[in-house]
Amino acid sequence: MDKKETRLRRARKTRAKIAALKMPRLAVHRTNSHIYAQVFSACGTRVVASASSAEGALRSGLKSGGNTEAAAQIGKLIAERATAAGIAEVAFDRSGFHYHGRVKALADAAREGGLKF
């Protein structure tokens, strides 16, 4: 197995457990240059809120979209947008990425922003 297959395998296992919980899910995806976050509905078919470092309004204020500072800003923004949509508690789906660095910075900032997970 290569690195990507291993990550996707971890992601499948996590998503299966989250689907059994029947609660909204905060999904995170990262690339070398950007980080993305989406809140899905409890049924998993609808995106309730989203934020990314690739958005035009955020890009001008960020030095780089692929660092922990950008991830922290995205975490605060996704928490704000999710609470505006009426979601206070989510399950954290790190998409198979290790809970370290940018993924951790986004999660910590989302918690500070008012999301519970």
N, C-alpha and C. Protein backbone atom coordinates (compact mmCIF):
# COMPACT_ATOMS: atom_id res chain seq x y z
N MET A 1 0.83 -1.18 0.00
CA MET A 1 0.00 0.00 0.00
C MET A 1 0.88 1.24 0.00
N ASP A 2 0.47 2.23 -0.77
CA ASP A 2 1.20 3.47 -0.75
C ASP A 2 0.57 4.45 0.24
N LYS A 3 1.15 5.62 0.33
CA LYS A 3 0.76 6.60 1.33
C LYS A 3 -0.71 7.03 1.17
N LYS A 4 -1.14 7.26 -0.07
CA LYS A 4 -2.51 7.72 -0.31
C LYS A 4 -3.53 6.63 0.03
N GLU A 5 -3.26 5.41 -0.37
CA GLU A 5 -4.19 4.31 -0.06
C GLU A 5 -4.33 4.11 1.44
N THR A 6 -3.25 4.25 2.17
CA THR A 6 -3.29 4.10 3.62
C THR A 6 -4.15 5.20 4.25
N ARG A 7 -3.98 6.43 3.77
CA ARG A 7 -4.78 7.54 4.27
C ARG A 7 -6.26 7.33 3.98
N LEU A 8 -6.58 6.90 2.78
CA LEU A 8 -7.98 6.69 2.41
C LEU A 8 -8.59 5.53 3.19
N ARG A 9 -7.79 4.55 3.54
CA ARG A 9 -8.27 3.44 4.36
C ARG A 9 -8.63 3.94 5.76
N ARG A 10 -7.78 4.78 6.33
CA ARG A 10 -8.08 5.38 7.63
C ARG A 10 -9.34 6.23 7.55
N ALA A 11 -9.51 6.95 6.45
CA ALA A 11 -10.68 7.82 6.27
C ALA A 11 -11.97 7.00 6.20
N ARG A 12 -11.94 5.87 5.50
CA ARG A 12 -13.13 5.01 5.39
C ARG A 12 -13.57 4.50 6.75
N LYS A 13 -12.61 4.07 7.55
CA LYS A 13 -12.93 3.56 8.88
C LYS A 13 -13.57 4.65 9.74
N THR A 14 -13.02 5.84 9.70
CA THR A 14 -13.55 6.95 10.49
C THR A 14 -14.95 7.33 10.03
N ARG A 15 -15.14 7.42 8.73
CA ARG A 15 -16.45 7.82 8.21
C ARG A 15 -17.53 6.80 8.52
N ALA A 16 -17.18 5.53 8.58
CA ALA A 16 -18.15 4.50 8.94
C ALA A 16 -18.61 4.68 10.38
N LYS A 17 -17.69 5.01 11.27
CA LYS A 17 -18.05 5.23 12.67
C LYS A 17 -18.88 6.50 12.83
N ILE A 18 -18.54 7.55 12.08
CA ILE A 18 -19.29 8.80 12.16
C ILE A 18 -20.70 8.62 11.60
N ALA A 19 -20.85 7.83 10.54
CA ALA A 19 -22.17 7.59 9.96
C ALA A 19 -23.09 6.90 10.96
N ALA A 20 -22.52 6.03 11.80
CA ALA A 20 -23.32 5.35 12.81
C ALA A 20 -23.79 6.31 13.89
N LEU A 21 -23.06 7.40 14.11
CA LEU A 21 -23.43 8.39 15.13
C LEU A 21 -24.62 9.25 14.72
N LYS A 22 -24.84 9.40 13.41
CA LYS A 22 -25.94 10.21 12.88
C LYS A 22 -25.87 11.65 13.39
N MET A 23 -24.70 12.27 13.24
CA MET A 23 -24.54 13.66 13.64
C MET A 23 -23.77 14.40 12.56
N PRO A 24 -23.87 15.74 12.53
CA PRO A 24 -23.13 16.50 11.52
C PRO A 24 -21.63 16.22 11.61
N ARG A 25 -20.96 16.34 10.47
CA ARG A 25 -19.54 15.99 10.43
C ARG A 25 -18.74 17.15 9.86
N LEU A 26 -17.64 17.46 10.53
CA LEU A 26 -16.70 18.48 10.07
C LEU A 26 -15.57 17.76 9.36
N ALA A 27 -15.55 17.85 8.03
CA ALA A 27 -14.54 17.17 7.23
C ALA A 27 -13.43 18.15 6.85
N VAL A 28 -12.19 17.69 6.96
CA VAL A 28 -11.03 18.52 6.66
C VAL A 28 -10.24 17.85 5.53
N HIS A 29 -9.79 18.66 4.60
CA HIS A 29 -8.91 18.16 3.54
C HIS A 29 -7.77 19.14 3.42
N ARG A 30 -6.57 18.63 3.26
CA ARG A 30 -5.43 19.52 3.11
C ARG A 30 -4.59 19.14 1.90
N THR A 31 -4.04 20.14 1.28
CA THR A 31 -3.08 19.95 0.20
C THR A 31 -1.82 20.72 0.61
N ASN A 32 -0.82 20.70 -0.23
CA ASN A 32 0.40 21.41 0.11
C ASN A 32 0.18 22.92 0.18
N SER A 33 -0.74 23.43 -0.63
CA SER A 33 -0.91 24.88 -0.69
C SER A 33 -2.17 25.41 -0.03
N HIS A 34 -3.15 24.57 0.30
CA HIS A 34 -4.40 25.05 0.89
C HIS A 34 -4.96 24.04 1.88
N ILE A 35 -5.95 24.50 2.67
CA ILE A 35 -6.68 23.63 3.58
C ILE A 35 -8.16 23.95 3.42
N TYR A 36 -8.99 22.93 3.46
CA TYR A 36 -10.42 23.05 3.22
C TYR A 36 -11.19 22.42 4.37
N ALA A 37 -12.34 22.99 4.72
CA ALA A 37 -13.18 22.43 5.77
C ALA A 37 -14.64 22.54 5.34
N GLN A 38 -15.40 21.48 5.57
CA GLN A 38 -16.82 21.46 5.24
C GLN A 38 -17.58 20.82 6.39
N VAL A 39 -18.77 21.35 6.67
CA VAL A 39 -19.67 20.74 7.64
C VAL A 39 -20.81 20.12 6.86
N PHE A 40 -20.97 18.80 6.98
CA PHE A 40 -22.03 18.07 6.31
C PHE A 40 -23.19 17.86 7.27
N SER A 41 -24.40 17.75 6.72
CA SER A 41 -25.58 17.50 7.54
C SER A 41 -25.50 16.10 8.16
N ALA A 42 -26.40 15.83 9.09
CA ALA A 42 -26.38 14.54 9.79
C ALA A 42 -26.60 13.37 8.84
N CYS A 43 -27.39 13.58 7.79
CA CYS A 43 -27.60 12.50 6.83
C CYS A 43 -26.41 12.36 5.88
N GLY A 44 -25.54 13.36 5.82
CA GLY A 44 -24.34 13.29 5.01
C GLY A 44 -24.51 13.65 3.56
N THR A 45 -25.68 14.18 3.19
CA THR A 45 -25.94 14.48 1.78
C THR A 45 -25.85 15.96 1.44
N ARG A 46 -25.77 16.81 2.45
CA ARG A 46 -25.84 18.25 2.19
C ARG A 46 -24.69 18.96 2.91
N VAL A 47 -24.06 19.91 2.22
CA VAL A 47 -23.02 20.73 2.83
C VAL A 47 -23.70 21.92 3.48
N VAL A 48 -23.53 22.04 4.79
CA VAL A 48 -24.18 23.11 5.55
C VAL A 48 -23.30 24.36 5.57
N ALA A 49 -22.00 24.19 5.73
CA ALA A 49 -21.06 25.31 5.77
C ALA A 49 -19.72 24.86 5.22
N SER A 50 -18.99 25.80 4.64
CA SER A 50 -17.67 25.47 4.13
C SER A 50 -16.76 26.68 4.23
N ALA A 51 -15.46 26.41 4.28
CA ALA A 51 -14.45 27.46 4.31
C ALA A 51 -13.15 26.86 3.77
N SER A 52 -12.38 27.69 3.11
CA SER A 52 -11.09 27.22 2.61
C SER A 52 -10.13 28.39 2.47
N SER A 53 -8.85 28.06 2.48
CA SER A 53 -7.83 29.08 2.32
C SER A 53 -7.72 29.53 0.86
N ALA A 54 -8.46 28.89 -0.03
CA ALA A 54 -8.45 29.27 -1.45
C ALA A 54 -9.49 30.34 -1.77
N GLU A 55 -10.32 30.72 -0.80
CA GLU A 55 -11.34 31.74 -1.03
C GLU A 55 -10.66 33.09 -1.27
N GLY A 56 -11.20 33.86 -2.18
CA GLY A 56 -10.60 35.13 -2.56
C GLY A 56 -10.47 36.11 -1.42
N ALA A 57 -11.48 36.20 -0.57
CA ALA A 57 -11.44 37.15 0.54
C ALA A 57 -10.36 36.81 1.55
N LEU A 58 -10.09 35.53 1.74
CA LEU A 58 -9.08 35.12 2.71
C LEU A 58 -7.66 35.13 2.13
N ARG A 59 -7.55 34.88 0.86
CA ARG A 59 -6.22 34.77 0.24
C ARG A 59 -5.42 36.06 0.37
N SER A 60 -6.12 37.19 0.30
CA SER A 60 -5.39 38.46 0.37
C SER A 60 -4.80 38.69 1.76
N GLY A 61 -5.45 38.17 2.81
CA GLY A 61 -4.96 38.37 4.17
C GLY A 61 -3.98 37.33 4.65
N LEU A 62 -3.78 36.27 3.86
CA LEU A 62 -2.89 35.19 4.28
C LEU A 62 -1.56 35.26 3.54
N LYS A 63 -0.49 34.97 4.26
CA LYS A 63 0.81 34.91 3.62
C LYS A 63 0.89 33.67 2.75
N SER A 64 0.37 32.56 3.30
CA SER A 64 0.35 31.29 2.58
C SER A 64 -0.88 30.50 3.02
N GLY A 65 -1.48 29.76 2.14
CA GLY A 65 -2.65 28.96 2.49
C GLY A 65 -2.29 27.61 3.07
N GLY A 66 -1.02 27.27 3.06
CA GLY A 66 -0.59 25.94 3.50
C GLY A 66 0.19 25.94 4.79
N ASN A 67 -0.16 26.83 5.74
CA ASN A 67 0.53 26.82 7.02
C ASN A 67 -0.47 26.80 8.17
N THR A 68 0.02 26.70 9.40
CA THR A 68 -0.86 26.55 10.55
C THR A 68 -1.65 27.82 10.84
N GLU A 69 -1.11 28.99 10.50
CA GLU A 69 -1.86 30.23 10.71
C GLU A 69 -3.11 30.25 9.83
N ALA A 70 -2.97 29.83 8.59
CA ALA A 70 -4.11 29.77 7.68
C ALA A 70 -5.13 28.74 8.18
N ALA A 71 -4.64 27.61 8.68
CA ALA A 71 -5.53 26.57 9.19
C ALA A 71 -6.31 27.08 10.39
N ALA A 72 -5.67 27.86 11.26
CA ALA A 72 -6.36 28.41 12.43
C ALA A 72 -7.45 29.40 11.99
N GLN A 73 -7.18 30.20 11.00
CA GLN A 73 -8.20 31.13 10.51
C GLN A 73 -9.38 30.39 9.89
N ILE A 74 -9.10 29.32 9.17
CA ILE A 74 -10.16 28.52 8.57
C ILE A 74 -10.99 27.85 9.66
N GLY A 75 -10.34 27.40 10.71
CA GLY A 75 -11.06 26.79 11.84
C GLY A 75 -12.02 27.77 12.49
N LYS A 76 -11.58 29.01 12.71
CA LYS A 76 -12.46 30.03 13.30
C LYS A 76 -13.62 30.34 12.36
N LEU A 77 -13.32 30.43 11.07
CA LEU A 77 -14.34 30.77 10.08
C LEU A 77 -15.39 29.66 9.94
N ILE A 78 -14.96 28.41 9.93
CA ILE A 78 -15.92 27.31 9.79
C ILE A 78 -16.78 27.20 11.04
N ALA A 79 -16.22 27.49 12.21
CA ALA A 79 -17.01 27.47 13.44
C ALA A 79 -18.08 28.57 13.40
N GLU A 80 -17.70 29.73 12.93
CA GLU A 80 -18.64 30.85 12.82
C GLU A 80 -19.77 30.53 11.84
N ARG A 81 -19.41 29.97 10.69
CA ARG A 81 -20.42 29.66 9.67
C ARG A 81 -21.32 28.50 10.12
N ALA A 82 -20.78 27.53 10.83
CA ALA A 82 -21.59 26.40 11.29
C ALA A 82 -22.58 26.85 12.37
N THR A 83 -22.13 27.68 13.30
CA THR A 83 -23.05 28.15 14.34
C THR A 83 -24.11 29.06 13.74
N ALA A 84 -23.78 29.79 12.70
CA ALA A 84 -24.78 30.62 12.01
C ALA A 84 -25.83 29.73 11.34
N ALA A 85 -25.43 28.53 10.93
CA ALA A 85 -26.36 27.59 10.30
C ALA A 85 -27.11 26.76 11.34
N GLY A 86 -26.81 26.96 12.63
CA GLY A 86 -27.53 26.26 13.68
C GLY A 86 -26.90 24.97 14.14
N ILE A 87 -25.63 24.77 13.86
CA ILE A 87 -24.95 23.54 14.28
C ILE A 87 -23.94 23.88 15.36
N ALA A 88 -24.07 23.23 16.50
CA ALA A 88 -23.16 23.49 17.62
C ALA A 88 -22.25 22.31 17.91
N GLU A 89 -22.67 21.10 17.53
CA GLU A 89 -21.89 19.90 17.84
C GLU A 89 -21.68 19.10 16.56
N VAL A 90 -20.42 18.71 16.32
CA VAL A 90 -20.08 17.95 15.12
C VAL A 90 -19.15 16.80 15.48
N ALA A 91 -19.02 15.87 14.56
CA ALA A 91 -18.01 14.82 14.65
C ALA A 91 -16.86 15.24 13.74
N PHE A 92 -15.64 15.11 14.21
CA PHE A 92 -14.47 15.58 13.46
C PHE A 92 -13.96 14.49 12.54
N ASP A 93 -13.99 14.76 11.24
CA ASP A 93 -13.49 13.83 10.23
C ASP A 93 -12.21 14.41 9.64
N ARG A 94 -11.08 13.84 10.03
CA ARG A 94 -9.81 14.37 9.56
C ARG A 94 -9.40 13.78 8.21
N SER A 95 -10.27 13.00 7.60
CA SER A 95 -10.06 12.42 6.27
C SER A 95 -8.80 11.57 6.18
N GLY A 96 -8.46 10.90 7.26
CA GLY A 96 -7.31 10.02 7.27
C GLY A 96 -5.99 10.72 7.52
N PHE A 97 -5.99 12.06 7.56
CA PHE A 97 -4.76 12.79 7.85
C PHE A 97 -4.44 12.65 9.34
N HIS A 98 -3.17 12.62 9.67
CA HIS A 98 -2.78 12.52 11.07
C HIS A 98 -3.16 13.79 11.82
N TYR A 99 -3.56 13.64 13.07
CA TYR A 99 -3.97 14.77 13.90
C TYR A 99 -2.72 15.48 14.39
N HIS A 100 -2.19 16.34 13.54
CA HIS A 100 -0.92 16.98 13.80
C HIS A 100 -0.82 18.21 12.90
N GLY A 101 -0.13 19.23 13.32
CA GLY A 101 0.14 20.37 12.47
C GLY A 101 -1.10 21.14 12.07
N ARG A 102 -1.34 21.24 10.77
CA ARG A 102 -2.45 22.06 10.26
C ARG A 102 -3.81 21.50 10.64
N VAL A 103 -3.96 20.18 10.65
CA VAL A 103 -5.25 19.58 11.02
C VAL A 103 -5.55 19.87 12.48
N LYS A 104 -4.55 19.78 13.33
CA LYS A 104 -4.73 20.08 14.75
C LYS A 104 -5.02 21.56 14.96
N ALA A 105 -4.34 22.43 14.24
CA ALA A 105 -4.55 23.87 14.37
C ALA A 105 -5.98 24.24 13.98
N LEU A 106 -6.50 23.63 12.91
CA LEU A 106 -7.87 23.88 12.49
C LEU A 106 -8.86 23.39 13.55
N ALA A 107 -8.64 22.21 14.09
CA ALA A 107 -9.54 21.65 15.10
C ALA A 107 -9.55 22.50 16.36
N ASP A 108 -8.38 22.93 16.82
CA ASP A 108 -8.30 23.76 18.01
C ASP A 108 -9.00 25.10 17.82
N ALA A 109 -8.83 25.70 16.66
CA ALA A 109 -9.48 26.98 16.38
C ALA A 109 -10.98 26.82 16.26
N ALA A 110 -11.44 25.71 15.71
CA ALA A 110 -12.89 25.46 15.63
C ALA A 110 -13.49 25.28 17.01
N ARG A 111 -12.76 24.62 17.89
CA ARG A 111 -13.23 24.46 19.28
C ARG A 111 -13.30 25.82 19.97
N GLU A 112 -12.29 26.65 19.77
CA GLU A 112 -12.30 27.99 20.35
C GLU A 112 -13.44 28.82 19.79
N GLY A 113 -13.80 28.56 18.54
CA GLY A 113 -14.88 29.29 17.89
C GLY A 113 -16.26 28.87 18.34
N GLY A 114 -16.35 27.81 19.13
CA GLY A 114 -17.65 27.40 19.68
C GLY A 114 -18.17 26.04 19.25
N LEU A 115 -17.48 25.36 18.35
CA LEU A 115 -17.94 24.02 17.95
C LEU A 115 -17.52 23.00 19.01
N LYS A 116 -18.38 22.04 19.27
CA LYS A 116 -18.06 20.97 20.22
C LYS A 116 -17.88 19.67 19.46
N PHE A 117 -16.75 19.00 19.71
CA PHE A 117 -16.49 17.67 19.16
C PHE A 117 -15.45 16.96 19.95
